[in-house]
Amino acid sequence: QEQLVESGGGLVQPGGSLRLSCAASGSFFSINVMGWYRQAPGKQRELVATITGGSSTNYADSVKGRFTISRDNGKNTVYLQMNSLKPEDTAVYYCKVVTTIGSYWGQGTQVTVSS
């Protein structure tokens, strides 16, 4: 059974850093795009960053220059390095994997940026 396991969330002060990980386990077939989305309270889920199998990346304007997405194809894992965090980055962060036969979401990990 396919499963996405996220880790790395937590509480951090403004200006701090966190690294999120999302490992895809099970019989994932031909993973194409991997990405991170986030949803703050009372807001819609929004794209944070995506990365293709060829390592082409795309970022939301609000995180450009602060966040870096990367992936390890051998481990079917995607990472999100978040630096210079701001209170407005507070949200539940979700991993998404797109394969040739469907899309899958992780369960979400809470990121809270507060002093």
Protein backbone atom coordinates (compact mmCIF):
# COMPACT_ATOMS: atom_id res chain seq x y z
CA GLN A 1 0.00 0.00 0.00
CA GLU A 2 1.32 3.41 -0.96
CA GLN A 3 2.09 5.76 1.90
CA LEU A 4 3.71 9.15 2.34
CA VAL A 5 5.38 9.75 5.70
CA GLU A 6 6.25 13.32 6.58
CA SER A 7 8.56 14.51 9.32
CA GLY A 8 10.47 17.57 10.47
CA GLY A 9 7.77 19.99 11.49
CA GLY A 10 7.72 21.83 14.79
CA LEU A 11 7.95 25.16 16.57
CA VAL A 12 10.66 27.61 15.54
CA GLN A 13 11.37 31.26 16.20
CA PRO A 14 11.19 33.85 13.43
CA GLY A 15 14.38 33.77 11.39
CA GLY A 16 14.95 30.12 12.20
CA SER A 17 15.14 27.06 9.97
CA LEU A 18 13.43 23.71 9.60
CA ARG A 19 13.85 20.81 7.20
CA LEU A 20 10.84 18.75 6.19
CA SER A 21 11.10 15.25 4.76
CA CYS A 22 8.55 13.11 2.96
CA ALA A 23 9.30 9.47 2.23
CA ALA A 24 7.15 7.53 -0.22
CA SER A 25 6.85 3.88 0.72
CA GLY A 26 4.99 1.03 -0.92
CA SER A 27 4.45 0.26 -4.57
CA PHE A 28 4.66 3.74 -6.03
CA PHE A 29 4.88 3.44 -9.78
CA SER A 30 6.91 5.94 -11.78
CA ILE A 31 6.93 9.04 -9.56
CA ASN A 32 6.95 12.22 -11.62
CA VAL A 33 6.47 15.40 -9.64
CA MET A 34 6.97 15.71 -5.90
CA GLY A 35 5.95 18.77 -4.00
CA TRP A 36 4.98 20.59 -0.85
CA TYR A 37 1.78 22.49 -0.16
CA ARG A 38 0.58 24.28 2.96
CA GLN A 39 -2.67 25.30 4.56
CA ALA A 40 -2.95 27.98 7.21
CA PRO A 41 -6.03 28.25 9.45
CA GLY A 42 -8.95 29.72 7.55
CA LYS A 43 -7.11 29.68 4.24
CA GLN A 44 -7.04 27.45 1.19
CA ARG A 45 -4.24 24.98 0.59
CA GLU A 46 -1.54 26.58 -1.52
CA LEU A 47 1.49 25.41 -3.46
CA VAL A 48 4.86 25.96 -1.79
CA ALA A 49 7.28 24.20 -4.13
CA THR A 50 7.48 21.36 -6.64
CA ILE A 51 10.30 19.39 -8.21
CA THR A 52 10.22 17.14 -11.27
CA GLY A 53 12.11 13.93 -11.88
CA GLY A 54 14.62 15.98 -13.84
CA SER A 55 15.03 18.31 -10.84
CA SER A 56 13.27 21.30 -12.34
CA THR A 57 11.83 23.35 -9.50
CA ASN A 58 8.98 25.78 -9.02
CA TYR A 59 8.38 27.99 -5.99
CA ALA A 60 5.63 30.22 -4.69
CA ASP A 61 6.73 33.85 -4.80
CA SER A 62 6.34 34.10 -1.03
CA VAL A 63 9.09 31.53 -0.38
CA LYS A 64 11.55 32.19 -3.20
CA GLY A 65 15.05 32.71 -1.89
CA ARG A 66 14.16 31.24 1.52
CA PHE A 67 12.99 27.67 0.81
CA THR A 68 14.74 24.97 -1.19
CA ILE A 69 13.12 21.79 -2.44
CA SER A 70 15.18 18.72 -3.31
CA ARG A 71 14.62 15.00 -3.84
CA ASP A 72 16.44 11.70 -3.56
CA ASN A 73 15.06 9.47 -6.28
CA GLY A 74 16.79 6.39 -4.89
CA LYS A 75 14.95 6.85 -1.59
CA ASN A 76 11.70 8.22 -3.09
CA THR A 77 12.05 11.11 -0.68
CA VAL A 78 11.46 14.83 -1.09
CA TYR A 79 12.84 17.51 1.21
CA LEU A 80 11.99 21.12 1.95
CA GLN A 81 14.69 23.23 3.56
CA MET A 82 13.06 26.29 5.07
CA ASN A 83 15.25 29.20 6.12
CA SER A 84 14.49 32.70 7.38
CA LEU A 85 11.10 31.54 8.56
CA LYS A 86 8.38 34.09 9.18
CA PRO A 87 5.21 33.93 11.29
CA GLU A 88 3.19 33.91 8.06
CA ASP A 89 4.84 30.58 7.17
CA THR A 90 2.85 28.97 9.98
CA ALA A 91 0.68 26.23 8.49
CA VAL A 92 0.21 22.53 8.09
CA TYR A 93 2.59 21.39 5.37
CA TYR A 94 1.54 18.55 3.07
CA CYS A 95 3.64 16.45 0.77
CA LYS A 96 2.20 15.48 -2.62
CA VAL A 97 3.46 12.89 -5.08
CA VAL A 98 2.24 12.63 -8.66
CA THR A 99 2.73 9.36 -10.52
CA THR A 100 1.65 8.14 -13.93
CA ILE A 101 -1.47 6.59 -12.39
CA GLY A 102 -2.49 9.06 -9.72
CA SER A 103 -1.69 11.60 -7.01
CA TYR A 104 -1.07 10.99 -3.33
CA TRP A 105 -1.04 13.24 -0.26
CA GLY A 106 0.75 12.94 3.04
CA GLN A 107 -1.01 13.40 6.37
CA GLY A 108 0.53 16.81 7.00
CA THR A 109 3.04 18.18 9.48
CA GLN A 110 2.56 21.32 11.55
CA VAL A 111 5.04 24.17 11.23
CA THR A 112 4.65 27.02 13.73
CA VAL A 113 6.81 30.12 13.56
CA SER A 114 6.48 32.15 16.73
CA SER A 115 8.54 33.88 19.36
